[in-house]
Amino acid sequence: MAEIPLSGKSRTQVLRWQRQCWVVGLRWEEKQKSVRRPLVQRRGVLNVMLTVKQGKSRLTAQGQIEAGSRHQKLYSLAALFSQQCTPNGYGVYQLDDGRQVFLATVKGMPSPMADVTGTPEQIIRAQELFLSFNPAPEDGWTIPSYPEGPLSWETLVGQVSSAQLRFARVSGVSNPVRKYGAGVLSLAALLGGVVWWNRLPEPPAAPVVPALPAPVQDVFKKAPEPVYLPHPWADMPVATDPWADMPVATCGHRLFKPLSTLAVQGARESRPVAS
């Protein structure tokens, strides 16, 4: 399949196979000993990263690819090789443009000295450097593809399990400038608004109304609450029982038992009549 070169970056490349995109030329290093700064985000370029773990060992791979592959499923060919050629092995595979890639695995993990792309001469030097730093294991190296007759890289991806795909999945790293750019712009707009507000002229003061004269102020005072005095007959004596025993006559008619207040009132107004 066709290879997608990275403009200005010959190390990292993307290889297409059916609907999958396989990345070669990543930079591998031990995670806990990493001192390398993260890759600088460039326009039109996508930073990718992969972390593989086995026991206490952790390796991190970084690279940059064309931003056009942002929405594609990306996988690491070196991580896949470490799953297929385990625990110790290396191999050279042919790419589509005459270049080759050197892959190696040590104790089931991708080697930081491998995942190198280049010409056949460069690949031979990369293989010699790898063997000089990694002595052969007791049971020897597994070499599925020799540099004298390298196999196509597609032989590695022809039959891949779902577990191997999950292990080799590469993720894109968001652009930190773009991520925090919106927050910086919002903060700048907020500060600009505060400065603009502080520079606004003071609003004109409300006119002061002079105090009204005392006679006029009395007009606007609240009317006093009405005073309710007791009714005029509040101090009049109340009829008592002795009135009930006195003979009373009204219009010549004698009343023996005044039962109503009207009779009592009439008795007050009439004179006693002798029996």
Protein backbone atom coordinates (compact mmCIF):
# COMPACT_ATOMS: atom_id res chain seq x y z
CA MET A 1 0.00 0.00 0.00
CA ALA A 2 1.00 3.62 -0.46
CA GLU A 3 3.13 5.34 2.14
CA ILE A 4 2.31 8.78 3.51
CA PRO A 5 5.57 10.69 4.11
CA LEU A 6 5.70 13.44 6.67
CA SER A 7 6.74 16.76 5.20
CA GLY A 8 10.07 17.84 6.67
CA LYS A 9 10.09 14.78 8.99
CA SER A 10 11.48 11.64 7.37
CA ARG A 11 11.61 9.66 10.62
CA THR A 12 7.91 9.13 11.32
CA GLN A 13 5.78 7.66 8.55
CA VAL A 14 2.25 6.35 8.20
CA LEU A 15 1.52 3.18 6.20
CA ARG A 16 -2.00 2.40 5.05
CA TRP A 17 -3.34 -1.12 4.95
CA GLN A 18 -7.04 -1.44 4.21
CA ARG A 19 -8.72 0.79 6.83
CA GLN A 20 -5.79 0.76 9.22
CA CYS A 21 -2.90 3.20 9.49
CA TRP A 22 0.39 1.87 10.84
CA VAL A 23 2.99 4.28 12.19
CA VAL A 24 6.73 3.58 11.95
CA GLY A 25 9.68 5.62 13.13
CA LEU A 26 8.41 6.54 16.60
CA ARG A 27 10.79 7.60 19.36
CA TRP A 28 10.77 5.06 22.19
CA GLU A 29 12.08 5.65 25.70
CA GLU A 30 11.54 4.43 29.24
CA LYS A 31 8.79 6.45 30.84
CA GLN A 32 10.27 6.81 34.33
CA LYS A 33 13.64 7.94 32.96
CA SER A 34 12.32 10.30 30.35
CA VAL A 35 14.02 13.68 30.24
CA ARG A 36 13.05 14.59 26.69
CA ARG A 37 10.74 17.50 26.27
CA PRO A 38 7.42 16.88 24.52
CA LEU A 39 7.34 17.46 20.79
CA VAL A 40 6.57 20.99 19.70
CA GLN A 41 3.19 21.33 18.07
CA ARG A 42 3.44 22.51 14.47
CA ARG A 43 0.75 23.67 12.11
CA GLY A 44 -0.66 20.85 10.01
CA VAL A 45 1.07 18.22 12.17
CA LEU A 46 -0.46 15.87 14.73
CA ASN A 47 1.53 14.68 17.74
CA VAL A 48 0.94 11.00 18.54
CA MET A 49 1.86 9.01 21.62
CA LEU A 50 1.72 5.42 22.83
CA THR A 51 2.51 3.89 26.21
CA VAL A 52 3.01 0.14 26.58
CA LYS A 53 3.30 -1.66 29.91
CA GLN A 54 4.51 -5.07 30.96
CA GLY A 55 4.99 -5.69 34.65
CA LYS A 56 6.96 -2.76 36.03
CA SER A 57 8.35 -1.78 32.65
CA ARG A 58 6.75 1.13 30.83
CA LEU A 59 7.77 2.53 27.47
CA THR A 60 6.47 5.66 25.80
CA ALA A 61 6.62 6.38 22.07
CA GLN A 62 6.18 9.80 20.48
CA GLY A 63 5.99 11.00 16.91
CA GLN A 64 4.54 13.53 14.51
CA ILE A 65 2.39 12.72 11.50
CA GLU A 66 0.36 14.66 8.99
CA ALA A 67 -2.77 16.15 10.51
CA GLY A 68 -4.85 14.54 7.74
CA SER A 69 -4.64 11.23 9.65
CA ARG A 70 -6.27 12.75 12.74
CA HIS A 71 -9.53 10.85 12.30
CA GLN A 72 -7.91 7.54 11.29
CA LYS A 73 -7.21 4.58 13.52
CA LEU A 74 -3.46 4.62 14.13
CA TYR A 75 -1.34 1.68 15.28
CA SER A 76 2.35 1.21 15.99
CA LEU A 77 4.12 -1.37 13.84
CA ALA A 78 6.90 -1.72 16.44
CA ALA A 79 4.38 -2.47 19.20
CA LEU A 80 2.74 -5.10 16.99
CA PHE A 81 6.14 -6.67 16.24
CA SER A 82 6.83 -6.98 19.99
CA GLN A 83 3.62 -9.01 20.32
CA GLN A 84 4.35 -11.31 17.38
CA CYS A 85 8.09 -11.82 17.87
CA THR A 86 8.36 -12.35 21.60
CA PRO A 87 10.21 -12.38 23.88
CA ASN A 88 13.46 -11.48 22.04
CA GLY A 89 13.88 -10.85 18.36
CA TYR A 90 14.51 -8.38 15.57
CA GLY A 91 13.83 -8.07 11.88
CA VAL A 92 14.08 -5.82 8.84
CA TYR A 93 11.01 -5.16 6.70
CA GLN A 94 10.66 -3.57 3.32
CA LEU A 95 8.55 -0.45 2.82
CA ASP A 96 6.95 0.65 -0.43
CA ASP A 97 9.38 3.38 -1.48
CA GLY A 98 12.61 1.39 -1.32
CA ARG A 99 13.18 2.26 2.33
CA GLN A 100 13.25 -0.24 5.16
CA VAL A 101 12.31 -0.35 8.82
CA PHE A 102 14.24 -2.08 11.62
CA LEU A 103 12.11 -3.53 14.43
CA ALA A 104 13.25 -5.25 17.62
CA THR A 105 11.83 -6.52 20.88
CA VAL A 106 13.60 -7.28 24.17
CA LYS A 107 11.81 -9.23 26.89
CA GLY A 108 8.48 -8.72 25.15
CA MET A 109 8.78 -4.92 24.93
CA PRO A 110 9.73 -2.74 21.95
CA SER A 111 13.39 -1.76 21.97
CA PRO A 112 14.10 1.99 22.23
CA MET A 113 16.94 1.44 19.75
CA ALA A 114 14.62 0.05 17.08
CA ASP A 115 11.66 1.37 15.09
CA VAL A 116 14.13 3.02 12.71
CA THR A 117 13.36 3.80 9.06
CA GLY A 118 15.91 4.59 6.35
CA THR A 119 17.92 3.25 3.49
CA PRO A 120 19.30 -0.32 3.58
CA GLU A 121 22.70 1.06 4.66
CA GLN A 122 21.14 3.00 7.53
CA ILE A 123 19.14 -0.04 8.61
CA ILE A 124 22.28 -2.21 8.71
CA ARG A 125 24.01 0.33 10.97
CA ALA A 126 20.92 0.47 13.22
CA GLN A 127 20.93 -3.33 13.50
CA GLU A 128 24.64 -3.44 14.36
CA LEU A 129 24.16 -0.75 17.02
CA PHE A 130 21.27 -2.70 18.54
CA LEU A 131 23.28 -5.95 18.71
CA SER A 132 26.25 -4.16 20.29
CA PHE A 133 24.12 -2.92 23.19
CA ASN A 134 21.97 -6.04 23.60
CA PRO A 135 23.81 -9.33 24.02
CA ALA A 136 22.15 -12.37 22.57
CA PRO A 137 19.79 -14.19 24.98
CA GLU A 138 20.44 -17.77 26.03
CA ASP A 139 18.00 -19.18 23.49
CA GLY A 140 19.17 -16.79 20.76
CA TRP A 141 17.37 -14.13 18.76
CA THR A 142 14.21 -14.74 16.79
CA ILE A 143 14.73 -13.26 13.30
CA PRO A 144 11.58 -13.54 11.16
CA SER A 145 12.94 -11.27 8.39
CA TYR A 146 16.63 -10.85 7.48
CA PRO A 147 18.14 -7.71 6.00
CA GLU A 148 19.47 -9.71 3.03
CA GLY A 149 15.93 -10.56 1.94
CA PRO A 150 13.48 -8.41 3.91
CA LEU A 151 9.81 -9.28 3.88
CA SER A 152 7.10 -6.73 3.22
CA TRP A 153 5.77 -4.95 6.26
CA GLU A 154 2.28 -6.12 5.25
CA THR A 155 3.17 -9.64 6.39
CA LEU A 156 2.97 -8.34 9.96
CA VAL A 157 -0.50 -6.80 9.67
CA GLY A 158 -2.18 -9.48 7.56
CA GLN A 159 -3.54 -11.40 10.56
CA VAL A 160 -3.82 -9.31 13.70
CA SER A 161 -5.96 -10.10 16.74
CA SER A 162 -8.13 -7.58 18.55
CA ALA A 163 -5.88 -7.76 21.62
CA GLN A 164 -2.84 -6.91 19.51
CA LEU A 165 -4.66 -3.96 17.97
CA ARG A 166 -5.55 -2.62 21.42
CA PHE A 167 -1.94 -3.00 22.53
CA ALA A 168 -0.58 -1.13 19.51
CA ARG A 169 -3.22 1.63 19.33
CA VAL A 170 -1.68 5.10 19.02
CA SER A 171 -3.54 8.17 20.29
CA GLY A 172 -3.30 11.76 19.16
CA VAL A 173 -2.15 14.44 21.57
CA SER A 174 -4.20 17.63 21.63
CA ASN A 175 -2.50 20.88 20.83
CA PRO A 176 -1.77 22.63 24.17
CA VAL A 177 -1.69 26.02 22.44
CA ARG A 178 -5.11 25.49 20.96
CA LYS A 179 -6.38 23.91 24.17
CA TYR A 180 -5.45 26.86 26.37
CA GLY A 181 -5.75 29.55 23.71
CA ALA A 182 -9.48 29.94 24.24
CA GLY A 183 -8.98 30.33 27.99
CA VAL A 184 -6.27 32.95 27.48
CA LEU A 185 -8.46 34.90 25.06
CA SER A 186 -11.39 34.78 27.48
CA LEU A 187 -9.20 36.03 30.33
CA ALA A 188 -7.81 38.84 28.16
CA ALA A 189 -11.33 39.88 27.16
CA LEU A 190 -12.39 39.91 30.81
CA LEU A 191 -9.42 42.05 31.85
CA GLY A 192 -10.06 44.40 28.93
CA GLY A 193 -13.66 44.80 30.04
CA VAL A 194 -12.56 45.63 33.58
CA VAL A 195 -10.09 48.26 32.34
CA TRP A 196 -12.70 49.77 30.03
CA TRP A 197 -15.22 49.93 32.89
CA ASN A 198 -12.74 51.64 35.19
CA ARG A 199 -11.97 54.26 32.56
CA LEU A 200 -15.59 55.25 32.05
CA PRO A 201 -16.38 58.84 33.19
CA GLU A 202 -18.20 59.20 36.44
CA PRO A 203 -21.97 59.66 35.98
CA PRO A 204 -23.28 63.18 36.74
CA ALA A 205 -24.36 63.67 40.31
CA ALA A 206 -28.07 64.04 40.97
CA PRO A 207 -29.20 67.63 41.66
CA VAL A 208 -29.55 68.46 45.33
CA VAL A 209 -33.07 69.59 46.21
CA PRO A 210 -33.03 72.42 48.77
CA ALA A 211 -34.84 71.87 52.01
CA LEU A 212 -38.46 73.05 52.06
CA PRO A 213 -39.58 75.71 54.53
CA ALA A 214 -40.95 74.52 57.83
CA PRO A 215 -44.59 75.55 57.07
CA VAL A 216 -44.46 73.61 53.81
CA GLN A 217 -42.93 70.57 55.50
CA ASP A 218 -45.84 70.58 57.99
CA VAL A 219 -48.25 70.16 55.09
CA PHE A 220 -46.53 66.96 53.97
CA LYS A 221 -46.35 65.52 57.44
CA LYS A 222 -48.44 62.50 58.11
CA ALA A 223 -51.91 63.25 59.48
CA PRO A 224 -52.21 62.38 63.17
CA GLU A 225 -54.11 59.31 64.15
CA PRO A 226 -57.73 60.04 65.24
CA VAL A 227 -58.37 60.03 68.99
CA TYR A 228 -61.46 58.12 70.07
CA LEU A 229 -62.97 59.58 73.30
CA PRO A 230 -65.36 57.60 75.55
CA HIS A 231 -69.14 57.95 74.86
CA PRO A 232 -71.04 60.63 76.87
CA TRP A 233 -72.92 58.20 79.10
CA ALA A 234 -69.87 56.27 80.15
CA ASP A 235 -69.97 57.95 83.61
CA MET A 236 -73.74 57.52 84.21
CA PRO A 237 -74.71 55.11 87.00
CA VAL A 238 -75.90 51.72 85.92
CA ALA A 239 -79.31 50.45 87.00
CA THR A 240 -79.04 48.18 90.00
CA ASP A 241 -81.33 45.76 91.76
CA PRO A 242 -83.08 48.29 94.05
CA TRP A 243 -84.89 49.63 91.03
CA ALA A 244 -86.55 46.30 90.56
CA ASP A 245 -88.19 46.49 94.03
CA MET A 246 -89.60 50.01 93.67
CA PRO A 247 -93.16 50.45 92.36
CA VAL A 248 -93.19 52.23 89.02
CA ALA A 249 -96.18 53.62 87.13
CA THR A 250 -96.33 54.71 83.51
CA CYS A 251 -99.29 56.72 82.24
CA GLY A 252 -101.30 55.69 85.22
CA HIS A 253 -100.41 52.06 84.86
CA ARG A 254 -98.45 50.48 87.60
CA LEU A 255 -95.49 48.27 86.71
CA PHE A 256 -94.53 45.70 89.24
CA LYS A 257 -91.50 44.09 87.52
CA PRO A 258 -89.62 46.28 85.07
CA LEU A 259 -88.06 43.72 82.79
CA SER A 260 -86.68 45.81 79.98
CA THR A 261 -84.26 48.69 79.77
CA LEU A 262 -87.10 50.76 78.32
CA ALA A 263 -89.11 50.29 81.48
CA VAL A 264 -86.11 51.22 83.61
CA GLN A 265 -85.49 54.31 81.52
CA GLY A 266 -89.17 55.26 81.86
CA ALA A 267 -88.97 54.76 85.59
CA ARG A 268 -86.11 57.24 85.76
CA GLU A 269 -88.17 59.83 83.97
CA SER A 270 -91.45 59.32 85.97
CA ARG A 271 -92.24 60.18 89.55
CA PRO A 272 -92.99 57.56 92.15
CA VAL A 273 -96.70 57.05 92.71
CA ALA A 274 -98.00 56.21 96.16
CA SER A 275 -99.80 52.95 96.42
